[in-house]
Amino acid sequence: MDGIELSAAMVERLHAQPGSSDVGVAIGDFSTTRVRGTFTLAYLVRNTIMNLTTQDAQVECYLDAARHLEPAASS
């Protein structure tokens, strides 16, 4: 599991929790920050998208998420 967080202080709080070593976190803006690998699922927690205050930033967020997704398997 990987995530993106803007606040280094919040990452510190996460890493103080049991089991947090299983969570990779990149510090940065979630509309543009890349993490290693591809994933079968990407999601925004709660109303996180509302932290991006322009439509352009929201579109970039979805494009960034799409770049991290694995191609769909053919049936």
PDB file of N, CA and C in Angstrom:
ATOM      1  N   MET A   1       0.847  -1.159   0.000  1.00  0.00           N
ATOM      2  CA  MET A   1       0.000   0.000   0.000  1.00  0.00           C
ATOM      3  C   MET A   1       0.898   1.229   0.000  1.00  0.00           C
ATOM      4  N   ASP A   2       0.517   2.193  -0.804  1.00  0.00           N
ATOM      5  CA  ASP A   2       1.265   3.443  -0.905  1.00  0.00           C
ATOM      6  C   ASP A   2       0.303   4.616  -0.856  1.00  0.00           C
ATOM      7  N   GLY A   3       0.807   5.739  -0.432  1.00  0.00           N
ATOM      8  CA  GLY A   3      -0.013   6.937  -0.373  1.00  0.00           C
ATOM      9  C   GLY A   3       0.802   8.179  -0.660  1.00  0.00           C
ATOM     10  N   ILE A   4       0.100   9.271  -0.807  1.00  0.00           N
ATOM     11  CA  ILE A   4       0.718  10.576  -1.030  1.00  0.00           C
ATOM     12  C   ILE A   4       0.150  11.514   0.022  1.00  0.00           C
ATOM     13  N   GLU A   5       1.022  12.243   0.687  1.00  0.00           N
ATOM     14  CA  GLU A   5       0.606  13.172   1.744  1.00  0.00           C
ATOM     15  C   GLU A   5       1.417  14.446   1.611  1.00  0.00           C
ATOM     16  N   LEU A   6       0.763  15.581   1.708  1.00  0.00           N
ATOM     17  CA  LEU A   6       1.429  16.873   1.593  1.00  0.00           C
ATOM     18  C   LEU A   6       2.190  17.242   2.862  1.00  0.00           C
ATOM     19  N   SER A   7       1.701  16.813   4.006  1.00  0.00           N
ATOM     20  CA  SER A   7       2.243  17.230   5.290  1.00  0.00           C
ATOM     21  C   SER A   7       3.234  16.212   5.865  1.00  0.00           C
ATOM     22  N   ALA A   8       4.483  16.639   6.029  1.00  0.00           N
ATOM     23  CA  ALA A   8       5.482  15.774   6.659  1.00  0.00           C
ATOM     24  C   ALA A   8       5.081  15.443   8.095  1.00  0.00           C
ATOM     25  N   ALA A   9       4.422  16.376   8.772  1.00  0.00           N
ATOM     26  CA  ALA A   9       3.973  16.129  10.148  1.00  0.00           C
ATOM     27  C   ALA A   9       2.938  15.008  10.193  1.00  0.00           C
ATOM     28  N   MET A  10       2.069  14.952   9.206  1.00  0.00           N
ATOM     29  CA  MET A  10       1.071  13.877   9.167  1.00  0.00           C
ATOM     30  C   MET A  10       1.727  12.536   8.872  1.00  0.00           C
ATOM     31  N   VAL A  11       2.765  12.541   8.045  1.00  0.00           N
ATOM     32  CA  VAL A  11       3.498  11.294   7.770  1.00  0.00           C
ATOM     33  C   VAL A  11       4.168  10.808   9.051  1.00  0.00           C
ATOM     34  N   GLU A  12       4.712  11.722   9.832  1.00  0.00           N
ATOM     35  CA  GLU A  12       5.301  11.345  11.124  1.00  0.00           C
ATOM     36  C   GLU A  12       4.256  10.721  12.037  1.00  0.00           C
ATOM     37  N   ARG A  13       3.068  11.297  12.070  1.00  0.00           N
ATOM     38  CA  ARG A  13       1.987  10.732  12.892  1.00  0.00           C
ATOM     39  C   ARG A  13       1.609   9.343  12.408  1.00  0.00           C
ATOM     40  N   LEU A  14       1.548   9.159  11.089  1.00  0.00           N
ATOM     41  CA  LEU A  14       1.258   7.834  10.537  1.00  0.00           C
ATOM     42  C   LEU A  14       2.305   6.839  10.983  1.00  0.00           C
ATOM     43  N   HIS A  15       3.567   7.199  10.845  1.00  0.00           N
ATOM     44  CA  HIS A  15       4.653   6.274  11.163  1.00  0.00           C
ATOM     45  C   HIS A  15       4.754   5.963  12.650  1.00  0.00           C
ATOM     46  N   ALA A  16       4.045   6.695  13.482  1.00  0.00           N
ATOM     47  CA  ALA A  16       4.002   6.392  14.914  1.00  0.00           C
ATOM     48  C   ALA A  16       2.972   5.296  15.223  1.00  0.00           C
ATOM     49  N   GLN A  17       2.169   4.926  14.227  1.00  0.00           N
ATOM     50  CA  GLN A  17       1.111   3.932  14.430  1.00  0.00           C
ATOM     51  C   GLN A  17       1.612   2.516  14.157  1.00  0.00           C
ATOM     52  N   PRO A  18       1.090   1.526  14.894  1.00  0.00           N
ATOM     53  CA  PRO A  18       1.447   0.135  14.633  1.00  0.00           C
ATOM     54  C   PRO A  18       1.067  -0.258  13.205  1.00  0.00           C
ATOM     55  N   GLY A  19       1.929  -1.014  12.547  1.00  0.00           N
ATOM     56  CA  GLY A  19       1.660  -1.485  11.191  1.00  0.00           C
ATOM     57  C   GLY A  19       1.960  -0.489  10.095  1.00  0.00           C
ATOM     58  N   SER A  20       2.386   0.697  10.472  1.00  0.00           N
ATOM     59  CA  SER A  20       2.603   1.734   9.466  1.00  0.00           C
ATOM     60  C   SER A  20       3.795   1.451   8.563  1.00  0.00           C
ATOM     61  N   SER A  21       4.650   0.535   8.965  1.00  0.00           N
ATOM     62  CA  SER A  21       5.807   0.218   8.113  1.00  0.00           C
ATOM     63  C   SER A  21       5.379  -0.445   6.808  1.00  0.00           C
ATOM     64  N   ASP A  22       4.135  -0.908   6.746  1.00  0.00           N
ATOM     65  CA  ASP A  22       3.607  -1.524   5.521  1.00  0.00           C
ATOM     66  C   ASP A  22       3.080  -0.492   4.529  1.00  0.00           C
ATOM     67  N   VAL A  23       3.082   0.783   4.924  1.00  0.00           N
ATOM     68  CA  VAL A  23       2.521   1.840   4.087  1.00  0.00           C
ATOM     69  C   VAL A  23       3.649   2.743   3.595  1.00  0.00           C
ATOM     70  N   GLY A  24       3.850   2.766   2.287  1.00  0.00           N
ATOM     71  CA  GLY A  24       4.817   3.691   1.703  1.00  0.00           C
ATOM     72  C   GLY A  24       4.144   5.036   1.485  1.00  0.00           C
ATOM     73  N   VAL A  25       4.836   6.114   1.808  1.00  0.00           N
ATOM     74  CA  VAL A  25       4.240   7.439   1.649  1.00  0.00           C
ATOM     75  C   VAL A  25       5.218   8.354   0.919  1.00  0.00           C
ATOM     76  N   ALA A  26       4.726   8.980  -0.145  1.00  0.00           N
ATOM     77  CA  ALA A  26       5.482  10.020  -0.839  1.00  0.00           C
ATOM     78  C   ALA A  26       4.945  11.361  -0.349  1.00  0.00           C
ATOM     79  N   ILE A  27       5.835  12.270  -0.029  1.00  0.00           N
ATOM     80  CA  ILE A  27       5.403  13.596   0.408  1.00  0.00           C
ATOM     81  C   ILE A  27       5.306  14.487  -0.817  1.00  0.00           C
ATOM     82  N   GLY A  28       4.124  15.069  -1.007  1.00  0.00           N
ATOM     83  CA  GLY A  28       3.924  15.960  -2.141  1.00  0.00           C
ATOM     84  C   GLY A  28       2.458  16.200  -2.406  1.00  0.00           C
ATOM     85  N   ASP A  29       2.193  16.959  -3.435  1.00  0.00           N
ATOM     86  CA  ASP A  29       0.839  17.302  -3.878  1.00  0.00           C
ATOM     87  C   ASP A  29       0.265  16.089  -4.616  1.00  0.00           C
ATOM     88  N   PHE A  30      -0.889  15.613  -4.193  1.00  0.00           N
ATOM     89  CA  PHE A  30      -1.413  14.383  -4.785  1.00  0.00           C
ATOM     90  C   PHE A  30      -1.947  14.548  -6.198  1.00  0.00           C
ATOM     91  N   SER A  31      -1.949  15.763  -6.726  1.00  0.00           N
ATOM     92  CA  SER A  31      -2.352  15.919  -8.127  1.00  0.00           C
ATOM     93  C   SER A  31      -1.176  15.731  -9.074  1.00  0.00           C
ATOM     94  N   THR A  32       0.050  15.774  -8.551  1.00  0.00           N
ATOM     95  CA  THR A  32       1.219  15.668  -9.441  1.00  0.00           C
ATOM     96  C   THR A  32       2.285  14.692  -8.965  1.00  0.00           C
ATOM     97  N   THR A  33       2.258  14.275  -7.710  1.00  0.00           N
ATOM     98  CA  THR A  33       3.307  13.416  -7.162  1.00  0.00           C
ATOM     99  C   THR A  33       3.155  11.991  -7.663  1.00  0.00           C
ATOM    100  N   ARG A  34       4.260  11.403  -8.083  1.00  0.00           N
ATOM    101  CA  ARG A  34       4.259  10.014  -8.551  1.00  0.00           C
ATOM    102  C   ARG A  34       4.828   9.120  -7.463  1.00  0.00           C
ATOM    103  N   VAL A  35       4.337   7.898  -7.410  1.00  0.00           N
ATOM    104  CA  VAL A  35       4.905   6.870  -6.541  1.00  0.00           C
ATOM    105  C   VAL A  35       5.361   5.732  -7.436  1.00  0.00           C
ATOM    106  N   ARG A  36       6.217   4.869  -6.889  1.00  0.00           N
ATOM    107  CA  ARG A  36       6.706   3.746  -7.691  1.00  0.00           C
ATOM    108  C   ARG A  36       5.629   2.689  -7.861  1.00  0.00           C
ATOM    109  N   GLY A  37       5.636   2.056  -9.007  1.00  0.00           N
ATOM    110  CA  GLY A  37       4.745   0.925  -9.233  1.00  0.00           C
ATOM    111  C   GLY A  37       3.414   1.301  -9.847  1.00  0.00           C
ATOM    112  N   THR A  38       2.653   0.246 -10.104  1.00  0.00           N
ATOM    113  CA  THR A  38       1.288   0.415 -10.598  1.00  0.00           C
ATOM    114  C   THR A  38       0.356  -0.319  -9.642  1.00  0.00           C
ATOM    115  N   PHE A  39      -0.913   0.009  -9.729  1.00  0.00           N
ATOM    116  CA  PHE A  39      -1.880  -0.489  -8.770  1.00  0.00           C
ATOM    117  C   PHE A  39      -3.163  -0.887  -9.477  1.00  0.00           C
ATOM    118  N   THR A  40      -3.943  -1.751  -8.840  1.00  0.00           N
ATOM    119  CA  THR A  40      -5.240  -2.137  -9.402  1.00  0.00           C
ATOM    120  C   THR A  40      -6.349  -1.232  -8.900  1.00  0.00           C
ATOM    121  N   LEU A  41      -6.048  -0.430  -7.880  1.00  0.00           N
ATOM    122  CA  LEU A  41      -7.054   0.451  -7.303  1.00  0.00           C
ATOM    123  C   LEU A  41      -6.392   1.730  -6.813  1.00  0.00           C
ATOM    124  N   ALA A  42      -7.029   2.839  -7.076  1.00  0.00           N
ATOM    125  CA  ALA A  42      -6.590   4.132  -6.525  1.00  0.00           C
ATOM    126  C   ALA A  42      -7.839   4.836  -6.018  1.00  0.00           C
ATOM    127  N   TYR A  43      -7.740   5.435  -4.842  1.00  0.00           N
ATOM    128  CA  TYR A  43      -8.896   6.148  -4.324  1.00  0.00           C
ATOM    129  C   TYR A  43      -8.486   7.344  -3.490  1.00  0.00           C
ATOM    130  N   LEU A  44      -9.404   8.284  -3.378  1.00  0.00           N
ATOM    131  CA  LEU A  44      -9.220   9.471  -2.538  1.00  0.00           C
ATOM    132  C   LEU A  44     -10.027   9.250  -1.274  1.00  0.00           C
ATOM    133  N   VAL A  45      -9.412   9.493  -0.141  1.00  0.00           N
ATOM    134  CA  VAL A  45     -10.090   9.301   1.132  1.00  0.00           C
ATOM    135  C   VAL A  45     -10.995  10.497   1.422  1.00  0.00           C
ATOM    136  N   ARG A  46     -12.204  10.198   1.813  1.00  0.00           N
ATOM    137  CA  ARG A  46     -13.217  11.188   2.192  1.00  0.00           C
ATOM    138  C   ARG A  46     -13.397  12.231   1.096  1.00  0.00           C
ATOM    139  N   ASN A  47     -13.330  13.489   1.418  1.00  0.00           N
ATOM    140  CA  ASN A  47     -13.554  14.544   0.421  1.00  0.00           C
ATOM    141  C   ASN A  47     -12.244  15.213   0.017  1.00  0.00           C
ATOM    142  N   THR A  48     -11.179  14.430  -0.071  1.00  0.00           N
ATOM    143  CA  THR A  48      -9.849  14.952  -0.355  1.00  0.00           C
ATOM    144  C   THR A  48      -9.802  15.775  -1.641  1.00  0.00           C
ATOM    145  N   ILE A  49     -10.567  15.402  -2.650  1.00  0.00           N
ATOM    146  CA  ILE A  49     -10.530  16.113  -3.930  1.00  0.00           C
ATOM    147  C   ILE A  49     -10.873  17.587  -3.753  1.00  0.00           C
ATOM    148  N   MET A  50     -11.633  17.913  -2.710  1.00  0.00           N
ATOM    149  CA  MET A  50     -12.017  19.308  -2.481  1.00  0.00           C
ATOM    150  C   MET A  50     -10.836  20.157  -2.009  1.00  0.00           C
ATOM    151  N   ASN A  51      -9.726  19.520  -1.619  1.00  0.00           N
ATOM    152  CA  ASN A  51      -8.518  20.277  -1.275  1.00  0.00           C
ATOM    153  C   ASN A  51      -7.864  20.872  -2.514  1.00  0.00           C
ATOM    154  N   LEU A  52      -8.210  20.352  -3.665  1.00  0.00           N
ATOM    155  CA  LEU A  52      -7.722  20.913  -4.927  1.00  0.00           C
ATOM    156  C   LEU A  52      -8.778  21.923  -5.385  1.00  0.00           C
ATOM    157  N   THR A  53      -8.427  23.176  -5.357  1.00  0.00           N
ATOM    158  CA  THR A  53      -9.437  24.226  -5.484  1.00  0.00           C
ATOM    159  C   THR A  53      -9.718  24.691  -6.906  1.00  0.00           C
ATOM    160  N   THR A  54      -9.025  24.100  -7.885  1.00  0.00           N
ATOM    161  CA  THR A  54      -9.342  24.454  -9.271  1.00  0.00           C
ATOM    162  C   THR A  54      -9.706  23.190 -10.042  1.00  0.00           C
ATOM    163  N   GLN A  55     -10.485  23.358 -11.072  1.00  0.00           N
ATOM    164  CA  GLN A  55     -10.847  22.219 -11.897  1.00  0.00           C
ATOM    165  C   GLN A  55      -9.605  21.620 -12.555  1.00  0.00           C
ATOM    166  N   ASP A  56      -8.668  22.464 -12.986  1.00  0.00           N
ATOM    167  CA  ASP A  56      -7.434  21.961 -13.601  1.00  0.00           C
ATOM    168  C   ASP A  56      -6.672  21.056 -12.638  1.00  0.00           C
ATOM    169  N   ALA A  57      -6.558  21.442 -11.376  1.00  0.00           N
ATOM    170  CA  ALA A  57      -5.856  20.624 -10.390  1.00  0.00           C
ATOM    171  C   ALA A  57      -6.602  19.313 -10.151  1.00  0.00           C
ATOM    172  N   GLN A  58      -7.924  19.357 -10.131  1.00  0.00           N
ATOM    173  CA  GLN A  58      -8.698  18.133  -9.947  1.00  0.00           C
ATOM    174  C   GLN A  58      -8.522  17.187 -11.126  1.00  0.00           C
ATOM    175  N   VAL A  59      -8.527  17.730 -12.335  1.00  0.00           N
ATOM    176  CA  VAL A  59      -8.301  16.905 -13.530  1.00  0.00           C
ATOM    177  C   VAL A  59      -6.904  16.278 -13.476  1.00  0.00           C
ATOM    178  N   GLU A  60      -5.899  17.059 -13.092  1.00  0.00           N
ATOM    179  CA  GLU A  60      -4.532  16.527 -12.970  1.00  0.00           C
ATOM    180  C   GLU A  60      -4.475  15.396 -11.952  1.00  0.00           C
ATOM    181  N   CYS A  61      -5.219  15.525 -10.875  1.00  0.00           N
ATOM    182  CA  CYS A  61      -5.263  14.475  -9.861  1.00  0.00           C
ATOM    183  C   CYS A  61      -5.764  13.163 -10.466  1.00  0.00           C
ATOM    184  N   TYR A  62      -6.857  13.231 -11.198  1.00  0.00           N
ATOM    185  CA  TYR A  62      -7.404  12.018 -11.813  1.00  0.00           C
ATOM    186  C   TYR A  62      -6.470  11.462 -12.890  1.00  0.00           C
ATOM    187  N   LEU A  63      -5.828  12.331 -13.637  1.00  0.00           N
ATOM    188  CA  LEU A  63      -4.863  11.861 -14.634  1.00  0.00           C
ATOM    189  C   LEU A  63      -3.668  11.180 -13.957  1.00  0.00           C
ATOM    190  N   ASP A  64      -3.202  11.760 -12.858  1.00  0.00           N
ATOM    191  CA  ASP A  64      -2.089  11.168 -12.114  1.00  0.00           C
ATOM    192  C   ASP A  64      -2.490   9.802 -11.566  1.00  0.00           C
ATOM    193  N   ALA A  65      -3.690   9.693 -11.026  1.00  0.00           N
ATOM    194  CA  ALA A  65      -4.171   8.397 -10.537  1.00  0.00           C
ATOM    195  C   ALA A  65      -4.240   7.389 -11.677  1.00  0.00           C
ATOM    196  N   ALA A  66      -4.742   7.815 -12.823  1.00  0.00           N
ATOM    197  CA  ALA A  66      -4.850   6.913 -13.975  1.00  0.00           C
ATOM    198  C   ALA A  66      -3.485   6.418 -14.436  1.00  0.00           C
ATOM    199  N   ARG A  67      -2.456   7.267 -14.350  1.00  0.00           N
ATOM    200  CA  ARG A  67      -1.109   6.845 -14.749  1.00  0.00           C
ATOM    201  C   ARG A  67      -0.564   5.759 -13.827  1.00  0.00           C
ATOM    202  N   HIS A  68      -1.090   5.660 -12.632  1.00  0.00           N
ATOM    203  CA  HIS A  68      -0.631   4.655 -11.671  1.00  0.00           C
ATOM    204  C   HIS A  68      -1.400   3.333 -11.763  1.00  0.00           C
ATOM    205  N   LEU A  69      -2.467   3.310 -12.542  1.00  0.00           N
ATOM    206  CA  LEU A  69      -3.283   2.102 -12.610  1.00  0.00           C
ATOM    207  C   LEU A  69      -2.742   1.109 -13.625  1.00  0.00           C
ATOM    208  N   GLU A  70      -2.854  -0.167 -13.274  1.00  0.00           N
ATOM    209  CA  GLU A  70      -2.454  -1.227 -14.208  1.00  0.00           C
ATOM    210  C   GLU A  70      -3.498  -1.291 -15.322  1.00  0.00           C
ATOM    211  N   PRO A  71      -3.051  -1.695 -16.520  1.00  0.00           N
ATOM    212  CA  PRO A  71      -4.020  -1.848 -17.611  1.00  0.00           C
ATOM    213  C   PRO A  71      -5.066  -2.908 -17.239  1.00  0.00           C
ATOM    214  N   ALA A  72      -6.281  -2.705 -17.693  1.00  0.00           N
ATOM    215  CA  ALA A  72      -7.350  -3.675 -17.427  1.00  0.00           C
ATOM    216  C   ALA A  72      -7.023  -4.996 -18.121  1.00  0.00           C
ATOM    217  N   ALA A  73      -7.306  -6.081 -17.444  1.00  0.00           N
ATOM    218  CA  ALA A  73      -7.094  -7.407 -18.036  1.00  0.00           C
ATOM    219  C   ALA A  73      -8.189  -7.681 -19.067  1.00  0.00           C
ATOM    220  N   SER A  74      -7.818  -8.284 -20.199  1.00  0.00           N
ATOM    221  CA  SER A  74      -8.840  -8.619 -21.199  1.00  0.00           C
ATOM    222  C   SER A  74      -9.552  -9.903 -20.792  1.00  0.00           C
ATOM    223  N   SER A  75     -10.818  -9.952 -21.174  1.00  0.00           N
ATOM    224  CA  SER A  75     -11.591 -11.149 -20.837  1.00  0.00           C
ATOM    225  C   SER A  75     -11.411 -12.233 -21.867  1.00  0.00           C
TER     226      SER A  75
END
